[in-house]
Amino acid sequence: MIGPKPNKGKLLIAEPSLTGDVSFNRSVVLLAEHNDEGSVGFILNKPLDYSISDLIPEIHISLPVYNGGPVEQDNLYFIHKVPELITNSVEISNGIFWGGDFDITVQLLKFLFGVFRLGFFATRPGIIVQILDRT
């Protein structure tokens, strides 16, 4: 029996019987490229014990980092949906992109995630003016 043709943008789901392979056992892989020269993909469901701030100290957020696969594990790759903000991105399929200008990505992460606060404050009218008048 011939299975479906692998295409860029497709999800590959490992057979439950695939055992003994730490990287691909129970993996879901997004196929980022598939052509006559080979295939490139990213494992989507294998979180690591790192956050992005462990790897890039100037980003002070704890976004999780996932094991993308066994090749070039000394490089950090990212999948996103904002090619208009991250130049030089490569489209995988239907608005899903990978890579791009890493410096821009770091700046966006610092901007977008660096100012979240839990809660806010509120006062009655005139309280802030009174406080400022006392200082």
Protein backbone atom coordinates (compact mmCIF):
# COMPACT_ATOMS: atom_id res chain seq x y z
CA MET A 1 0.00 0.00 0.00
CA ILE A 2 1.30 3.45 -0.88
CA GLY A 3 0.73 6.14 1.72
CA PRO A 4 0.04 9.82 1.16
CA LYS A 5 2.80 11.91 -0.40
CA PRO A 6 4.70 14.01 2.14
CA ASN A 7 4.36 17.69 1.37
CA LYS A 8 5.69 20.85 2.93
CA GLY A 9 3.30 22.04 5.64
CA LYS A 10 1.95 18.59 6.51
CA LEU A 11 2.03 17.08 9.97
CA LEU A 12 3.70 13.70 10.40
CA ILE A 13 2.61 11.68 13.41
CA ALA A 14 4.88 8.89 14.60
CA GLU A 15 3.39 5.45 14.85
CA PRO A 16 2.91 4.35 18.48
CA SER A 17 5.03 1.30 17.65
CA LEU A 18 8.07 3.50 16.93
CA THR A 19 10.12 2.73 20.03
CA GLY A 20 13.78 3.01 20.81
CA ASP A 21 14.15 6.39 19.07
CA VAL A 22 14.23 9.11 21.71
CA SER A 23 13.77 11.95 19.22
CA PHE A 24 10.82 10.61 17.26
CA ASN A 25 8.98 8.33 19.69
CA ARG A 26 5.39 9.70 19.86
CA SER A 27 6.44 12.81 17.92
CA VAL A 28 4.37 15.19 15.85
CA VAL A 29 6.54 16.75 13.14
CA LEU A 30 5.74 19.78 10.99
CA LEU A 31 7.29 19.20 7.58
CA ALA A 32 8.93 22.55 6.69
CA GLU A 33 10.53 21.45 3.42
CA HIS A 34 10.33 18.34 1.24
CA ASN A 35 11.94 18.03 -2.17
CA ASP A 36 14.37 15.89 -4.17
CA GLU A 37 17.25 17.04 -1.94
CA GLY A 38 15.62 15.86 1.29
CA SER A 39 13.29 16.95 4.05
CA VAL A 40 13.40 19.41 6.94
CA GLY A 41 10.91 19.44 9.77
CA PHE A 42 10.39 20.41 13.37
CA ILE A 43 9.14 18.23 16.21
CA LEU A 44 6.27 20.14 17.82
CA ASN A 45 5.43 18.22 20.97
CA LYS A 46 8.68 17.64 22.90
CA PRO A 47 9.18 20.43 25.47
CA LEU A 48 12.61 20.78 27.03
CA ASP A 49 13.48 21.89 30.55
CA TYR A 50 14.54 25.31 29.23
CA SER A 51 12.80 28.60 28.73
CA ILE A 52 13.85 31.16 26.15
CA SER A 53 15.38 33.31 28.91
CA ASP A 54 17.76 30.45 29.77
CA LEU A 55 19.12 30.60 26.24
CA ILE A 56 18.84 34.34 25.54
CA PRO A 57 19.36 36.16 28.88
CA GLU A 58 18.21 39.57 27.61
CA ILE A 59 14.68 38.16 27.12
CA HIS A 60 13.05 38.16 30.54
CA ILE A 61 10.12 35.88 29.82
CA SER A 62 9.74 32.18 30.32
CA LEU A 63 8.47 30.99 26.96
CA PRO A 64 9.08 27.24 26.66
CA VAL A 65 11.68 25.82 24.29
CA TYR A 66 10.95 22.59 22.45
CA ASN A 67 13.22 19.91 21.02
CA GLY A 68 12.88 20.49 17.28
CA GLY A 69 14.87 17.41 16.28
CA PRO A 70 18.28 15.76 16.47
CA VAL A 71 20.02 17.88 13.79
CA GLU A 72 21.89 21.14 14.59
CA GLN A 73 20.81 21.24 18.22
CA ASP A 74 23.26 24.08 18.83
CA ASN A 75 20.98 26.39 16.78
CA LEU A 76 17.71 27.93 17.89
CA TYR A 77 14.89 27.84 15.31
CA PHE A 78 11.49 29.48 15.59
CA ILE A 79 8.10 29.04 13.96
CA HIS A 80 5.81 32.05 13.71
CA LYS A 81 2.93 33.75 11.88
CA VAL A 82 4.26 37.32 11.49
CA PRO A 83 6.43 37.53 8.36
CA GLU A 84 5.53 41.19 8.00
CA LEU A 85 7.39 41.82 11.27
CA ILE A 86 10.18 39.24 10.95
CA THR A 87 12.00 39.73 7.65
CA ASN A 88 13.62 36.89 5.69
CA SER A 89 11.10 34.33 7.00
CA VAL A 90 10.44 31.17 5.00
CA GLU A 91 6.81 30.17 4.46
CA ILE A 92 6.03 26.60 5.39
CA SER A 93 2.33 26.64 4.50
CA ASN A 94 -0.83 28.73 4.86
CA GLY A 95 0.64 31.59 6.88
CA ILE A 96 3.04 29.53 8.99
CA PHE A 97 6.68 30.60 8.72
CA TRP A 98 10.03 29.68 10.17
CA GLY A 99 13.21 31.59 10.74
CA GLY A 100 13.92 35.12 9.69
CA ASP A 101 15.94 37.94 11.17
CA PHE A 102 16.84 36.73 14.65
CA ASP A 103 17.74 40.17 16.03
CA ILE A 104 14.29 41.47 15.06
CA THR A 105 12.71 38.44 16.70
CA VAL A 106 14.58 39.09 19.95
CA GLN A 107 13.50 42.75 19.92
CA LEU A 108 9.88 41.76 19.28
CA LEU A 109 9.92 39.28 22.15
CA LYS A 110 11.37 41.88 24.49
CA PHE A 111 8.76 44.44 23.38
CA LEU A 112 5.71 42.18 23.28
CA PHE A 113 6.34 40.14 26.40
CA GLY A 114 8.51 42.41 28.51
CA VAL A 115 5.76 44.61 29.93
CA PHE A 116 3.00 42.29 31.10
CA ARG A 117 1.67 43.00 34.56
CA LEU A 118 -0.67 41.04 36.77
CA GLY A 119 -3.46 43.43 37.74
CA PHE A 120 -3.58 47.22 37.76
CA PHE A 121 -4.22 49.99 40.22
CA ALA A 122 -7.15 52.36 40.56
CA THR A 123 -7.89 55.31 42.83
CA ARG A 124 -10.70 57.70 43.55
CA PRO A 125 -10.55 61.07 41.74
CA GLY A 126 -7.89 63.44 43.07
CA ILE A 127 -5.81 60.87 45.00
CA ILE A 128 -2.86 60.93 42.58
CA VAL A 129 -2.78 64.74 42.66
CA GLN A 130 -2.77 64.66 46.48
CA ILE A 131 0.11 62.18 46.53
CA LEU A 132 2.13 64.22 44.05
CA ASP A 133 1.45 67.43 45.98
CA ARG A 134 2.99 65.83 49.12
CA THR A 135 6.27 64.94 47.42
